Amino acid sequence: MMPRVEPGSVDTRRWTLIAVCVTTFMLLLDITIVNVALPSIQRRLNADLTGLQWVVDAYALALAALILTAGALADRFGRRLLFMFGVVVFRALLCCAGSPGTSRRSTSRGACRGSAARRSSRPRSR
């Protein structure tokens, strides 16, 4: 037996699905960028295959840790609030990533990855 659906909740469910799809796409795009950058990382750092595996593993480990943390924070403070906070921080850090200066750029790129992990915890209506 299907649960009864209220008339206004269909729009809410549709927007929730769209938000989840967009954030999942952004997460997959971020992971693809890391894989595409591997040949450049190998050339610049003179890394062997083991070194490249460490790059991918370190990225995956950091992303997984931040996703778990974001899930716990979303349970405590609300998914919608944490989702919006992650989107705002991610966009602000993208502006910093394009700025001149190596230290600011690398710091903001690392923080963008953390923000992407926060965004990946799904917003759910209460």
Protein backbone atom coordinates (compact mmCIF):
# COMPACT_ATOMS: atom_id res chain seq x y z
CA MET A 1 0.00 0.00 0.00
CA MET A 2 1.45 3.37 -1.03
CA PRO A 3 1.59 6.17 1.56
CA ARG A 4 -0.74 9.09 0.96
CA VAL A 5 1.01 12.01 -0.76
CA GLU A 6 -0.01 15.56 0.03
CA PRO A 7 -0.48 17.89 -2.99
CA GLY A 8 2.34 20.31 -2.06
CA SER A 9 4.84 17.58 -1.25
CA VAL A 10 5.24 16.51 -4.90
CA ASP A 11 6.99 19.79 -5.71
CA THR A 12 9.15 19.45 -2.61
CA ARG A 13 10.16 15.93 -3.60
CA ARG A 14 10.95 17.07 -7.13
CA TRP A 15 13.23 19.89 -5.91
CA THR A 16 14.89 17.53 -3.44
CA LEU A 17 15.59 15.07 -6.26
CA ILE A 18 17.03 17.85 -8.43
CA ALA A 19 19.27 19.06 -5.58
CA VAL A 20 20.56 15.54 -4.92
CA CYS A 21 21.23 14.95 -8.63
CA VAL A 22 23.13 18.24 -9.01
CA THR A 23 25.29 17.64 -5.94
CA THR A 24 26.03 14.06 -7.00
CA PHE A 25 27.06 15.34 -10.43
CA MET A 26 29.37 17.92 -8.82
CA LEU A 27 30.94 15.22 -6.64
CA LEU A 28 31.52 12.93 -9.62
CA LEU A 29 32.95 15.83 -11.59
CA ASP A 30 35.38 16.58 -8.75
CA ILE A 31 36.55 12.95 -8.62
CA THR A 32 36.94 12.91 -12.41
CA ILE A 33 39.11 16.03 -12.24
CA VAL A 34 41.46 14.26 -9.81
CA ASN A 35 41.78 11.30 -12.18
CA VAL A 36 42.36 13.54 -15.20
CA ALA A 37 45.07 15.43 -13.31
CA LEU A 38 47.06 12.27 -12.51
CA PRO A 39 49.34 12.43 -15.58
CA SER A 40 50.20 16.05 -14.80
CA ILE A 41 50.86 15.16 -11.16
CA GLN A 42 53.09 12.31 -12.29
CA ARG A 43 55.15 14.56 -14.58
CA ARG A 44 55.55 17.44 -12.14
CA LEU A 45 56.34 15.34 -9.08
CA ASN A 46 58.22 12.55 -10.88
CA ALA A 47 55.86 10.11 -9.17
CA ASP A 48 55.67 6.43 -9.89
CA LEU A 49 52.49 4.33 -9.89
CA THR A 50 52.63 3.86 -6.12
CA GLY A 51 52.80 7.62 -5.59
CA LEU A 52 49.78 8.17 -7.83
CA GLN A 53 47.85 5.53 -5.91
CA TRP A 54 48.64 7.43 -2.71
CA VAL A 55 47.26 10.63 -4.27
CA VAL A 56 43.97 8.95 -5.16
CA ASP A 57 43.76 7.12 -1.82
CA ALA A 58 44.48 10.26 0.20
CA TYR A 59 41.80 12.13 -1.72
CA ALA A 60 39.25 9.33 -1.24
CA LEU A 61 40.06 9.01 2.46
CA ALA A 62 39.72 12.75 3.10
CA LEU A 63 36.48 12.87 1.13
CA ALA A 64 35.02 9.88 3.02
CA ALA A 65 35.95 11.35 6.40
CA LEU A 66 34.36 14.68 5.51
CA ILE A 67 31.20 12.99 4.20
CA LEU A 68 30.80 11.08 7.47
CA THR A 69 31.37 14.25 9.48
CA ALA A 70 28.91 16.15 7.30
CA GLY A 71 26.29 13.45 7.83
CA ALA A 72 26.64 13.70 11.61
CA LEU A 73 26.45 17.50 11.47
CA ALA A 74 23.41 17.32 9.19
CA ASP A 75 21.65 15.08 11.70
CA ARG A 76 22.41 17.55 14.47
CA PHE A 77 21.79 20.92 12.77
CA GLY A 78 19.51 20.00 9.87
CA ARG A 79 20.24 18.84 6.38
CA ARG A 80 18.88 21.88 4.60
CA LEU A 81 20.95 24.31 6.69
CA LEU A 82 24.14 22.31 6.21
CA PHE A 83 23.47 21.92 2.48
CA MET A 84 23.01 25.66 2.01
CA PHE A 85 26.11 26.38 4.12
CA GLY A 86 28.14 23.99 1.97
CA VAL A 87 26.95 25.59 -1.26
CA VAL A 88 27.77 29.11 -0.01
CA VAL A 89 31.23 28.09 1.23
CA PHE A 90 31.97 26.20 -1.99
CA ARG A 91 31.08 29.18 -4.16
CA ALA A 92 33.10 31.57 -2.00
CA LEU A 93 36.12 29.28 -2.19
CA LEU A 94 35.77 28.99 -5.96
CA CYS A 95 36.23 32.76 -6.15
CA CYS A 96 39.40 32.44 -4.06
CA ALA A 97 40.68 29.54 -6.18
CA GLY A 98 40.92 31.82 -9.20
CA SER A 99 42.95 34.42 -7.34
CA PRO A 100 46.68 34.94 -7.90
CA GLY A 101 49.08 33.49 -5.35
CA THR A 102 49.93 29.86 -4.89
CA SER A 103 49.25 29.47 -1.16
CA ARG A 104 45.80 31.04 -1.25
CA ARG A 105 44.85 29.06 -4.34
CA SER A 106 45.96 25.69 -2.97
CA THR A 107 44.31 26.35 0.39
CA SER A 108 41.02 27.29 -1.22
CA ARG A 109 41.09 24.25 -3.52
CA GLY A 110 41.57 21.94 -0.57
CA ALA A 111 38.74 23.65 1.27
CA CYS A 112 36.52 23.30 -1.82
CA ARG A 113 36.97 19.56 -1.65
CA GLY A 114 35.85 19.59 1.97
CA SER A 115 32.88 21.72 1.04
CA ALA A 116 31.98 19.26 -1.71
CA ALA A 117 31.90 16.52 0.87
CA ARG A 118 29.55 18.57 3.01
CA ARG A 119 27.25 19.18 0.06
CA SER A 120 27.02 15.50 -0.74
CA SER A 121 25.01 14.74 2.39
CA ARG A 122 21.52 14.78 0.96
CA PRO A 123 18.97 17.42 1.92
CA ARG A 124 15.76 15.81 3.08
CA SER A 125 12.49 17.45 3.91
CA ARG A 126 11.38 16.92 7.48
